C-alpha atoms as a PDB file:
ATOM      1  CA  MET A   1      52.933 144.039 111.781  1.00  0.00           C
ATOM      2  CA  THR A   2      53.822 144.708 108.150  1.00  0.00           C
ATOM      3  CA  THR A   3      55.507 142.642 105.469  1.00  0.00           C
ATOM      4  CA  VAL A   4      58.447 144.281 103.711  1.00  0.00           C
ATOM      5  CA  LEU A   5      61.154 143.360 101.232  1.00  0.00           C
ATOM      6  CA  ASP A   6      64.377 142.591 103.102  1.00  0.00           C
ATOM      7  CA  GLN A   7      67.250 144.194 101.140  1.00  0.00           C
ATOM      8  CA  THR A   8      69.763 141.973 102.941  1.00  0.00           C
ATOM      9  CA  THR A   9      68.254 138.600 102.007  1.00  0.00           C
ATOM     10  CA  GLY A  10      66.033 139.572  99.081  1.00  0.00           C
ATOM     11  CA  ALA A  11      63.107 137.818 100.770  1.00  0.00           C
ATOM     12  CA  HIS A  12      59.817 139.085 102.126  1.00  0.00           C
ATOM     13  CA  SER A  13      59.709 139.027 105.908  1.00  0.00           C
ATOM     14  CA  ALA A  14      57.524 140.189 108.743  1.00  0.00           C
ATOM     15  CA  ARG A  15      59.021 143.055 110.676  1.00  0.00           C
ATOM     16  CA  GLY A  16      57.820 143.337 114.240  1.00  0.00           C
ATOM     17  CA  PRO A  17      58.972 144.671 117.584  1.00  0.00           C
ATOM     18  CA  LYS A  18      61.315 141.771 118.326  1.00  0.00           C
ATOM     19  CA  PRO A  19      64.444 142.756 120.304  1.00  0.00           C
ATOM     20  CA  LEU A  20      67.967 142.616 118.864  1.00  0.00           C
ATOM     21  CA  VAL A  21      69.119 139.988 121.363  1.00  0.00           C
ATOM     22  CA  GLU A  22      67.345 136.968 122.808  1.00  0.00           C
ATOM     23  CA  GLY A  23      69.373 136.552 125.991  1.00  0.00           C
ATOM     24  CA  ARG A  24      72.922 135.780 127.044  1.00  0.00           C
ATOM     25  CA  ARG A  25      75.170 132.752 126.573  1.00  0.00           C
ATOM     26  CA  ASN A  26      75.306 130.365 129.490  1.00  0.00           C
ATOM     27  CA  LEU A  27      78.627 129.782 131.255  1.00  0.00           C
ATOM     28  CA  ALA A  28      79.377 126.466 129.504  1.00  0.00           C
ATOM     29  CA  THR A  29      78.882 128.015 126.060  1.00  0.00           C
ATOM     30  CA  GLN A  30      81.002 131.025 127.002  1.00  0.00           C
ATOM     31  CA  ILE A  31      83.843 128.768 128.159  1.00  0.00           C
ATOM     32  CA  ALA A  32      83.599 126.811 124.899  1.00  0.00           C
ATOM     33  CA  VAL A  33      83.900 130.066 122.934  1.00  0.00           C
ATOM     34  CA  TYR A  34      87.109 130.941 124.759  1.00  0.00           C
ATOM     35  CA  ILE A  35      88.523 127.453 124.194  1.00  0.00           C
ATOM     36  CA  PHE A  36      87.802 127.264 120.477  1.00  0.00           C
ATOM     37  CA  ILE A  37      89.015 130.808 119.825  1.00  0.00           C
ATOM     38  CA  LEU A  38      92.118 130.889 121.998  1.00  0.00           C
ATOM     39  CA  VAL A  39      93.431 127.309 121.601  1.00  0.00           C
ATOM     40  CA  PRO A  40      93.687 127.506 117.771  1.00  0.00           C
ATOM     41  CA  PHE A  41      95.283 130.935 118.182  1.00  0.00           C
ATOM     42  CA  ALA A  42      97.850 129.446 120.561  1.00  0.00           C
ATOM     43  CA  ALA A  43      98.497 126.726 117.979  1.00  0.00           C
ATOM     44  CA  LEU A  44      99.089 129.411 115.366  1.00  0.00           C
ATOM     45  CA  ILE A  45     101.666 131.107 117.608  1.00  0.00           C
ATOM     46  CA  ALA A  46     103.380 127.760 118.195  1.00  0.00           C
ATOM     47  CA  ALA A  47     103.395 126.998 114.451  1.00  0.00           C
ATOM     48  CA  VAL A  48     106.508 129.025 113.630  1.00  0.00           C
ATOM     49  CA  PRO A  49     108.946 127.216 115.946  1.00  0.00           C
ATOM     50  CA  LEU A  50     107.321 123.857 115.186  1.00  0.00           C
ATOM     51  CA  ALA A  51     107.757 124.381 111.452  1.00  0.00           C
ATOM     52  CA  TRP A  52     111.435 125.278 111.859  1.00  0.00           C
ATOM     53  CA  GLY A  53     113.025 122.090 110.648  1.00  0.00           C
ATOM     54  CA  TRP A  54     110.572 119.488 111.946  1.00  0.00           C
ATOM     55  CA  GLY A  55     106.912 118.722 112.575  1.00  0.00           C
ATOM     56  CA  LEU A  56     105.589 119.661 109.115  1.00  0.00           C
ATOM     57  CA  THR A  57     105.270 117.277 106.171  1.00  0.00           C
ATOM     58  CA  TRP A  58     103.737 117.410 102.702  1.00  0.00           C
ATOM     59  CA  VAL A  59     100.822 115.357 104.045  1.00  0.00           C
ATOM     60  CA  ASP A  60     100.170 118.113 106.590  1.00  0.00           C
ATOM     61  CA  VAL A  61     100.378 120.786 103.878  1.00  0.00           C
ATOM     62  CA  VAL A  62      97.933 118.978 101.583  1.00  0.00           C
ATOM     63  CA  LEU A  63      95.483 118.292 104.403  1.00  0.00           C
ATOM     64  CA  PHE A  64      95.771 121.896 105.604  1.00  0.00           C
ATOM     65  CA  PHE A  65      94.828 123.323 102.214  1.00  0.00           C
ATOM     66  CA  ALA A  66      92.098 120.736 101.608  1.00  0.00           C
ATOM     67  CA  PHE A  67      90.364 121.445 104.914  1.00  0.00           C
ATOM     68  CA  TYR A  68      91.043 125.196 104.678  1.00  0.00           C
ATOM     69  CA  TRP A  69      89.256 125.518 101.359  1.00  0.00           C
ATOM     70  CA  LEU A  70      86.459 123.118 102.316  1.00  0.00           C
ATOM     71  CA  THR A  71      85.657 125.105 105.437  1.00  0.00           C
ATOM     72  CA  LEU A  72      86.334 128.549 103.942  1.00  0.00           C
ATOM     73  CA  LEU A  73      83.907 127.871 101.092  1.00  0.00           C
ATOM     74  CA  GLY A  74      81.437 126.454 103.596  1.00  0.00           C
ATOM     75  CA  VAL A  75      81.436 129.913 105.196  1.00  0.00           C
ATOM     76  CA  THR A  76      81.668 132.124 102.091  1.00  0.00           C
ATOM     77  CA  VAL A  77      79.425 130.166  99.706  1.00  0.00           C
ATOM     78  CA  GLY A  78      77.203 128.484 102.296  1.00  0.00           C
ATOM     79  CA  TYR A  79      76.818 130.523 105.466  1.00  0.00           C
ATOM     80  CA  HIS A  80      77.271 133.893 103.763  1.00  0.00           C
ATOM     81  CA  ARG A  81      76.095 134.055 100.166  1.00  0.00           C
ATOM     82  CA  HIS A  82      73.460 131.308 100.359  1.00  0.00           C
ATOM     83  CA  PHE A  83      71.967 131.185 103.843  1.00  0.00           C
ATOM     84  CA  THR A  84      72.408 134.834 104.860  1.00  0.00           C
ATOM     85  CA  HIS A  85      71.740 136.665 101.616  1.00  0.00           C
ATOM     86  CA  GLY A  86      69.943 134.219  99.327  1.00  0.00           C
ATOM     87  CA  SER A  87      72.339 134.887  96.449  1.00  0.00           C
ATOM     88  CA  PHE A  88      71.265 131.559  94.978  1.00  0.00           C
ATOM     89  CA  LYS A  89      68.973 128.647  95.715  1.00  0.00           C
ATOM     90  CA  ALA A  90      70.331 125.156  96.364  1.00  0.00           C
ATOM     91  CA  LYS A  91      68.964 121.661  96.173  1.00  0.00           C
ATOM     92  CA  ARG A  92      68.452 119.946  99.501  1.00  0.00           C
ATOM     93  CA  GLY A  93      71.635 117.835  99.435  1.00  0.00           C
ATOM     94  CA  MET A  94      73.793 120.826  98.515  1.00  0.00           C
ATOM     95  CA  ARG A  95      72.093 122.949 101.156  1.00  0.00           C
ATOM     96  CA  ILE A  96      72.899 120.407 103.874  1.00  0.00           C
ATOM     97  CA  ALA A  97      76.467 119.973 102.568  1.00  0.00           C
ATOM     98  CA  LEU A  98      77.053 123.739 102.680  1.00  0.00           C
ATOM     99  CA  ALA A  99      75.729 123.917 106.246  1.00  0.00           C
ATOM    100  CA  LEU A 100      78.053 121.095 107.302  1.00  0.00           C
ATOM    101  CA  ALA A 101      81.103 122.584 105.568  1.00  0.00           C
ATOM    102  CA  GLY A 102      80.422 125.937 107.211  1.00  0.00           C
ATOM    103  CA  SER A 103      80.025 124.289 110.613  1.00  0.00           C
ATOM    104  CA  PHE A 104      83.476 122.725 110.199  1.00  0.00           C
ATOM    105  CA  ALA A 105      84.948 126.260 110.297  1.00  0.00           C
ATOM    106  CA  VAL A 106      84.099 126.486 114.033  1.00  0.00           C
ATOM    107  CA  GLN A 107      82.627 129.972 113.705  1.00  0.00           C
ATOM    108  CA  SER A 108      79.292 129.117 115.372  1.00  0.00           C
ATOM    109  CA  PRO A 109      76.278 127.075 114.209  1.00  0.00           C
ATOM    110  CA  PRO A 110      74.724 128.185 110.902  1.00  0.00           C
ATOM    111  CA  ILE A 111      71.578 129.809 112.294  1.00  0.00           C
ATOM    112  CA  THR A 112      73.559 131.760 114.889  1.00  0.00           C
ATOM    113  CA  TRP A 113      76.088 132.892 112.263  1.00  0.00           C
ATOM    114  CA  VAL A 114      73.360 134.018 109.872  1.00  0.00           C
ATOM    115  CA  ALA A 115      71.465 135.913 112.581  1.00  0.00           C
ATOM    116  CA  ASP A 116      74.626 137.782 113.579  1.00  0.00           C
ATOM    117  CA  HIS A 117      75.471 138.650 109.990  1.00  0.00           C
ATOM    118  CA  ARG A 118      71.982 139.811 109.032  1.00  0.00           C
ATOM    119  CA  ARG A 119      72.012 142.007 112.125  1.00  0.00           C
ATOM    120  CA  HIS A 120      75.372 143.389 110.957  1.00  0.00           C
ATOM    121  CA  HIS A 121      73.870 144.382 107.606  1.00  0.00           C
ATOM    122  CA  ALA A 122      70.726 145.818 109.177  1.00  0.00           C
ATOM    123  CA  PHE A 123      72.792 148.192 111.360  1.00  0.00           C
ATOM    124  CA  SER A 124      76.111 148.285 109.514  1.00  0.00           C
ATOM    125  CA  ASP A 125      78.578 150.672 111.201  1.00  0.00           C
ATOM    126  CA  ARG A 126      75.779 152.050 113.401  1.00  0.00           C
ATOM    127  CA  GLU A 127      74.499 151.323 116.875  1.00  0.00           C
ATOM    128  CA  GLY A 128      73.227 147.742 116.849  1.00  0.00           C
ATOM    129  CA  ASP A 129      75.963 146.395 114.561  1.00  0.00           C
ATOM    130  CA  PRO A 130      77.588 143.567 116.548  1.00  0.00           C
ATOM    131  CA  HIS A 131      81.082 144.155 115.150  1.00  0.00           C
ATOM    132  CA  SER A 132      81.625 147.596 113.665  1.00  0.00           C
ATOM    133  CA  PRO A 133      85.079 149.136 114.256  1.00  0.00           C
ATOM    134  CA  TRP A 134      83.521 152.622 114.307  1.00  0.00           C
ATOM    135  CA  LEU A 135      81.380 152.323 117.442  1.00  0.00           C
ATOM    136  CA  PHE A 136      83.824 154.065 119.800  1.00  0.00           C
ATOM    137  CA  GLY A 137      84.844 157.156 117.825  1.00  0.00           C
ATOM    138  CA  THR A 138      87.558 158.174 115.385  1.00  0.00           C
ATOM    139  CA  SER A 139      90.516 159.037 117.615  1.00  0.00           C
ATOM    140  CA  PRO A 140      93.566 156.746 117.339  1.00  0.00           C
ATOM    141  CA  LEU A 141      92.725 155.107 120.670  1.00  0.00           C
ATOM    142  CA  ALA A 142      89.062 154.690 119.744  1.00  0.00           C
ATOM    143  CA  LEU A 143      90.000 153.127 116.398  1.00  0.00           C
ATOM    144  CA  ALA A 144      92.435 150.726 118.074  1.00  0.00           C
ATOM    145  CA  ARG A 145      89.640 149.702 120.447  1.00  0.00           C
ATOM    146  CA  GLY A 146      87.251 149.481 117.496  1.00  0.00           C
ATOM    147  CA  PHE A 147      89.626 147.287 115.520  1.00  0.00           C
ATOM    148  CA  TRP A 148      89.939 144.831 118.408  1.00  0.00           C
ATOM    149  CA  HIS A 149      86.168 144.815 118.915  1.00  0.00           C
ATOM    150  CA  ALA A 150      85.417 144.251 115.206  1.00  0.00           C
ATOM    151  CA  HIS A 151      88.134 141.665 114.716  1.00  0.00           C
ATOM    152  CA  MET A 152      87.426 139.348 117.631  1.00  0.00           C
ATOM    153  CA  GLY A 153      86.460 141.221 120.792  1.00  0.00           C
ATOM    154  CA  TRP A 154      82.750 141.106 119.958  1.00  0.00           C
ATOM    155  CA  ILE A 155      82.824 137.286 119.964  1.00  0.00           C
ATOM    156  CA  PHE A 156      83.528 137.226 123.700  1.00  0.00           C
ATOM    157  CA  GLU A 157      80.454 139.265 124.522  1.00  0.00           C
ATOM    158  CA  ARG A 158      77.629 137.133 125.899  1.00  0.00           C
ATOM    159  CA  ASP A 159      74.604 138.735 124.213  1.00  0.00           C
ATOM    160  CA  VAL A 160      72.956 136.384 121.696  1.00  0.00           C
ATOM    161  CA  THR A 161      71.419 137.856 118.528  1.00  0.00           C
ATOM    162  CA  ASN A 162      67.685 137.200 118.296  1.00  0.00           C
ATOM    163  CA  LYS A 163      67.307 134.372 115.788  1.00  0.00           C
ATOM    164  CA  GLN A 164      63.516 134.761 115.656  1.00  0.00           C
ATOM    165  CA  ARG A 165      64.006 138.296 114.384  1.00  0.00           C
ATOM    166  CA  PHE A 166      66.942 137.788 112.029  1.00  0.00           C
ATOM    167  CA  ALA A 167      66.722 134.151 110.876  1.00  0.00           C
ATOM    168  CA  PRO A 168      63.102 132.930 111.100  1.00  0.00           C
ATOM    169  CA  ASP A 169      63.408 131.263 107.678  1.00  0.00           C
ATOM    170  CA  LEU A 170      66.269 129.051 108.884  1.00  0.00           C
ATOM    171  CA  LEU A 171      64.480 128.203 112.130  1.00  0.00           C
ATOM    172  CA  ALA A 172      61.665 126.861 109.955  1.00  0.00           C
ATOM    173  CA  ASP A 173      64.044 124.549 108.038  1.00  0.00           C
ATOM    174  CA  PRO A 174      64.250 121.126 109.792  1.00  0.00           C
ATOM    175  CA  ASP A 175      67.553 120.265 108.085  1.00  0.00           C
ATOM    176  CA  LEU A 176      69.233 123.465 109.246  1.00  0.00           C
ATOM    177  CA  VAL A 177      67.840 123.093 112.753  1.00  0.00           C
ATOM    178  CA  LYS A 178      69.324 119.583 112.976  1.00  0.00           C
ATOM    179  CA  VAL A 179      72.724 120.694 111.665  1.00  0.00           C
ATOM    180  CA  ASN A 180      72.600 123.586 114.116  1.00  0.00           C
ATOM    181  CA  ARG A 181      71.805 121.283 117.052  1.00  0.00           C
ATOM    182  CA  LEU A 182      74.732 118.951 116.261  1.00  0.00           C
ATOM    183  CA  PHE A 183      77.342 121.715 116.086  1.00  0.00           C
ATOM    184  CA  VAL A 184      79.452 120.098 118.833  1.00  0.00           C
ATOM    185  CA  LEU A 185      79.725 116.953 116.693  1.00  0.00           C
ATOM    186  CA  TRP A 186      80.855 118.908 113.605  1.00  0.00           C
ATOM    187  CA  THR A 187      83.384 120.819 115.732  1.00  0.00           C
ATOM    188  CA  THR A 188      84.808 117.539 117.002  1.00  0.00           C
ATOM    189  CA  LEU A 189      85.016 116.071 113.497  1.00  0.00           C
ATOM    190  CA  THR A 190      86.782 119.107 112.022  1.00  0.00           C
ATOM    191  CA  PHE A 191      89.769 118.282 114.247  1.00  0.00           C
ATOM    192  CA  LEU A 192      89.558 114.474 114.265  1.00  0.00           C
ATOM    193  CA  LEU A 193      89.126 113.951 110.514  1.00  0.00           C
ATOM    194  CA  PRO A 194      92.483 115.557 109.558  1.00  0.00           C
ATOM    195  CA  ALA A 195      94.159 113.564 112.331  1.00  0.00           C
ATOM    196  CA  ALA A 196      92.615 110.311 111.104  1.00  0.00           C
ATOM    197  CA  LEU A 197      93.617 111.010 107.505  1.00  0.00           C
ATOM    198  CA  GLY A 198      97.136 112.034 108.550  1.00  0.00           C
ATOM    199  CA  GLY A 199      97.539 108.832 110.530  1.00  0.00           C
ATOM    200  CA  LEU A 200      96.244 106.640 107.702  1.00  0.00           C
ATOM    201  CA  LEU A 201      98.311 108.360 104.990  1.00  0.00           C
ATOM    202  CA  THR A 202     101.546 108.096 106.984  1.00  0.00           C
ATOM    203  CA  TRP A 203     100.554 104.971 108.884  1.00  0.00           C
ATOM    204  CA  SER A 204     101.850 106.525 112.086  1.00  0.00           C
ATOM    205  CA  TRP A 205     100.650 108.184 115.269  1.00  0.00           C
ATOM    206  CA  TRP A 206     103.086 111.020 114.614  1.00  0.00           C
ATOM    207  CA  GLY A 207     101.403 111.680 111.276  1.00  0.00           C
ATOM    208  CA  ALA A 208      98.048 111.812 113.056  1.00  0.00           C
ATOM    209  CA  LEU A 209      99.412 114.255 115.626  1.00  0.00           C
ATOM    210  CA  THR A 210     100.998 116.660 113.133  1.00  0.00           C
ATOM    211  CA  ALA A 211      97.882 116.628 110.933  1.00  0.00           C
ATOM    212  CA  PHE A 212      95.759 117.298 114.031  1.00  0.00           C
ATOM    213  CA  PHE A 213      97.954 120.320 114.746  1.00  0.00           C
ATOM    214  CA  TRP A 214      98.397 121.782 111.245  1.00  0.00           C
ATOM    215  CA  ALA A 215      95.192 120.817 109.429  1.00  0.00           C
ATOM    216  CA  GLY A 216      93.184 121.092 112.636  1.00  0.00           C
ATOM    217  CA  PHE A 217      94.128 123.870 115.026  1.00  0.00           C
ATOM    218  CA  VAL A 218      96.388 126.002 112.812  1.00  0.00           C
ATOM    219  CA  ARG A 219      93.947 125.805 109.901  1.00  0.00           C
ATOM    220  CA  VAL A 220      91.024 126.880 112.097  1.00  0.00           C
ATOM    221  CA  ALA A 221      93.040 129.755 113.597  1.00  0.00           C
ATOM    222  CA  ILE A 222      94.108 131.141 110.212  1.00  0.00           C
ATOM    223  CA  LEU A 223      90.586 130.803 108.825  1.00  0.00           C
ATOM    224  CA  HIS A 224      89.209 132.617 111.877  1.00  0.00           C
ATOM    225  CA  HIS A 225      91.515 135.590 111.408  1.00  0.00           C
ATOM    226  CA  VAL A 226      90.905 135.799 107.664  1.00  0.00           C
ATOM    227  CA  THR A 227      87.142 135.847 108.264  1.00  0.00           C
ATOM    228  CA  TRP A 228      87.414 138.364 111.115  1.00  0.00           C
ATOM    229  CA  SER A 229      89.594 140.618 108.949  1.00  0.00           C
ATOM    230  CA  THR A 230      86.564 141.176 106.730  1.00  0.00           C
ATOM    231  CA  ASN A 231      84.757 142.594 109.772  1.00  0.00           C
ATOM    232  CA  SER A 232      87.677 144.740 110.891  1.00  0.00           C
ATOM    233  CA  ILE A 233      90.109 145.686 108.093  1.00  0.00           C
ATOM    234  CA  CYS A 234      87.466 145.774 105.339  1.00  0.00           C
ATOM    235  CA  HIS A 235      85.434 148.317 107.316  1.00  0.00           C
ATOM    236  CA  MET A 236      88.429 150.571 107.965  1.00  0.00           C
ATOM    237  CA  ILE A 237      90.698 150.789 104.923  1.00  0.00           C
ATOM    238  CA  GLY A 238      90.451 150.139 101.210  1.00  0.00           C
ATOM    239  CA  GLU A 239      88.681 151.423  98.096  1.00  0.00           C
ATOM    240  CA  ARG A 240      84.975 152.251  97.852  1.00  0.00           C
ATOM    241  CA  PRO A 241      84.015 152.316  94.150  1.00  0.00           C
ATOM    242  CA  PHE A 242      80.341 151.609  94.895  1.00  0.00           C
ATOM    243  CA  VAL A 243      77.734 153.433  96.949  1.00  0.00           C
ATOM    244  CA  SER A 244      76.909 151.872 100.299  1.00  0.00           C
ATOM    245  CA  ARG A 245      75.480 153.368 103.479  1.00  0.00           C
ATOM    246  CA  ASP A 246      78.469 152.313 105.584  1.00  0.00           C
ATOM    247  CA  LYS A 247      82.270 152.209 105.463  1.00  0.00           C
ATOM    248  CA  ALA A 248      82.683 148.771 103.830  1.00  0.00           C
ATOM    249  CA  ALA A 249      85.702 148.784 101.517  1.00  0.00           C
ATOM    250  CA  ASN A 250      87.578 146.556  99.068  1.00  0.00           C
ATOM    251  CA  PHE A 251      90.906 145.280 100.426  1.00  0.00           C
ATOM    252  CA  TRP A 252      92.672 143.402  97.641  1.00  0.00           C
ATOM    253  CA  PRO A 253      95.478 141.683  99.669  1.00  0.00           C
ATOM    254  CA  LEU A 254      92.873 139.413 101.290  1.00  0.00           C
ATOM    255  CA  ALA A 255      91.032 138.523  98.083  1.00  0.00           C
ATOM    256  CA  ILE A 256      92.449 135.024  97.559  1.00  0.00           C
ATOM    257  CA  LEU A 257      92.745 133.969 101.210  1.00  0.00           C
ATOM    258  CA  SER A 258      89.144 135.067 101.842  1.00  0.00           C
ATOM    259  CA  GLY A 259      87.715 133.449  98.735  1.00  0.00           C
ATOM    260  CA  GLY A 260      86.627 136.841  97.367  1.00  0.00           C
ATOM    261  CA  GLU A 261      84.983 138.139 100.549  1.00  0.00           C
ATOM    262  CA  SER A 262      87.339 141.118 100.819  1.00  0.00           C
ATOM    263  CA  TRP A 263      85.655 142.790  97.828  1.00  0.00           C
ATOM    264  CA  HIS A 264      83.492 144.055 100.640  1.00  0.00           C
ATOM    265  CA  ASN A 265      82.339 147.395  99.253  1.00  0.00           C
ATOM    266  CA  LEU A 266      80.411 145.774  96.409  1.00  0.00           C
ATOM    267  CA  HIS A 267      78.910 143.294  98.844  1.00  0.00           C
ATOM    268  CA  HIS A 268      77.504 146.002 101.121  1.00  0.00           C
ATOM    269  CA  ALA A 269      76.324 148.014  98.138  1.00  0.00           C
ATOM    270  CA  ASP A 270      74.496 144.980  96.709  1.00  0.00           C
ATOM    271  CA  PRO A 271      74.253 142.287  99.442  1.00  0.00           C
ATOM    272  CA  THR A 272      72.335 139.666  97.458  1.00  0.00           C
ATOM    273  CA  CYS A 273      74.775 139.630  94.525  1.00  0.00           C
ATOM    274  CA  ALA A 274      76.462 136.219  94.156  1.00  0.00           C
ATOM    275  CA  ARG A 275      79.746 137.729  92.931  1.00  0.00           C
ATOM    276  CA  HIS A 276      81.632 140.251  95.052  1.00  0.00           C
ATOM    277  CA  GLY A 277      84.648 140.810  92.807  1.00  0.00           C
ATOM    278  CA  VAL A 278      82.918 142.340  89.789  1.00  0.00           C
ATOM    279  CA  LYS A 279      85.661 144.455  88.259  1.00  0.00           C
ATOM    280  CA  ARG A 280      88.407 143.233  85.922  1.00  0.00           C
ATOM    281  CA  GLY A 281      91.149 141.432  87.821  1.00  0.00           C
ATOM    282  CA  GLN A 282      89.131 141.016  91.037  1.00  0.00           C
ATOM    283  CA  ILE A 283      89.540 137.313  91.839  1.00  0.00           C
ATOM    284  CA  ASP A 284      86.457 135.836  93.516  1.00  0.00           C
ATOM    285  CA  ILE A 285      86.951 132.103  94.033  1.00  0.00           C
ATOM    286  CA  SER A 286      83.633 131.716  95.886  1.00  0.00           C
ATOM    287  CA  ALA A 287      81.741 133.121  92.888  1.00  0.00           C
ATOM    288  CA  ARG A 288      83.569 130.706  90.587  1.00  0.00           C
ATOM    289  CA  VAL A 289      82.549 127.799  92.824  1.00  0.00           C
ATOM    290  CA  ILE A 290      78.917 128.963  92.698  1.00  0.00           C
ATOM    291  CA  TRP A 291      79.215 129.144  88.905  1.00  0.00           C
ATOM    292  CA  LEU A 292      80.502 125.551  88.835  1.00  0.00           C
ATOM    293  CA  PHE A 293      77.681 124.360  91.100  1.00  0.00           C
ATOM    294  CA  GLU A 294      75.198 126.093  88.797  1.00  0.00           C
ATOM    295  CA  LYS A 295      76.657 124.336  85.747  1.00  0.00           C
ATOM    296  CA  LEU A 296      76.371 121.002  87.582  1.00  0.00           C
ATOM    297  CA  GLY A 297      72.726 121.716  88.389  1.00  0.00           C
ATOM    298  CA  TRP A 298      73.233 121.724  92.163  1.00  0.00           C
ATOM    299  CA  VAL A 299      72.251 125.392  92.615  1.00  0.00           C
ATOM    300  CA  TYR A 300      69.919 127.633  90.624  1.00  0.00           C
ATOM    301  CA  ASP A 301      68.363 131.130  90.453  1.00  0.00           C
ATOM    302  CA  VAL A 302      71.812 132.652  90.984  1.00  0.00           C
ATOM    303  CA  ARG A 303      71.775 136.426  91.347  1.00  0.00           C
ATOM    304  CA  TRP A 304      74.698 137.349  89.122  1.00  0.00           C
ATOM    305  CA  PRO A 305      75.742 141.001  88.666  1.00  0.00           C
ATOM    306  CA  THR A 306      74.267 142.809  85.666  1.00  0.00           C
ATOM    307  CA  SER A 307      75.090 146.153  84.112  1.00  0.00           C
ATOM    308  CA  GLN A 308      71.840 147.533  85.518  1.00  0.00           C
ATOM    309  CA  ARG A 309      72.650 146.376  89.071  1.00  0.00           C
ATOM    310  CA  LEU A 310      76.140 147.830  88.895  1.00  0.00           C
ATOM    311  CA  ALA A 311      74.980 151.131  87.408  1.00  0.00           C
ATOM    312  CA  ARG A 312      72.521 151.562  90.279  1.00  0.00           C
ATOM    313  CA  ILE A 313      75.286 151.427  92.914  1.00  0.00           C
ATOM    314  CA  THR A 314      78.089 153.211  91.037  1.00  0.00           C
ATOM    315  CA  ALA A 315      76.796 156.766  90.709  1.00  0.00           C
ATOM    316  CA  GLY A 316      78.173 159.053  93.390  1.00  0.00           C
ATOM    317  CA  ALA A 317      80.610 156.525  94.861  1.00  0.00           C
ATOM    318  CA  GLU A 318      83.841 157.742  96.419  1.00  0.00           C
END
């Protein structure tokens, strides 16, 4: 077994003959996946008629945006840029807070999420990538199948990415292991907390119910599809100003909703960079939040883009 520099995380790791997957989800977990993917989606479909003249208040709107950005940044800043790629280091309290905020997005426990995403980078748009849209060919039918697979179809598959192979550093962190183990609790709280706040702010059960719907289920559904669009749309269409070994592209319409994650070409060209939107006018809210945390002293050793880093991945780009 040899020790090599991992270009995805920037850390030294032991590379051995561990398999890509460690088994399959049990039936209870698989049922839970269907519930927490399909029920918020059903809520999103129901949102249009419910919003038509009743069932939506300013309290719901404020709670929706508050929980949307809390959980989105938990995924983009925490799960993605910190835990997966090591774009910065964080003090213990911030590290735990980021893991909790990411867990509230109901996209899987942190160690599972990181293992899946590191596997994605290791095999991006090749065999072994858990959610590439290019695995079935380039015909219109194959691309339609690929889009579905990349966007959400892959989530329903039962194979579990091998965490010992792709996230051994997180398995060795007692705080992350505990947050991971209590994922059901965080999933419960991400729906109950908006309901409790809605009830208290309006002093009514109706306020609790509408907040539960809008800031709970609808918020989770929209966040899911924004995140999944990075896997699907941002590997199919967009601009590729930087050199990467896959088809990751920048898709500007998603930049704000995704917190800067849709500047995906830069990210795949330089995975450990803390800022994805590096060109003029490319809004990257997640990078700005990391900058603020750095100024407050909560995170450190941030891997900001430099002219040398950008020059290395610009030559020869499409």
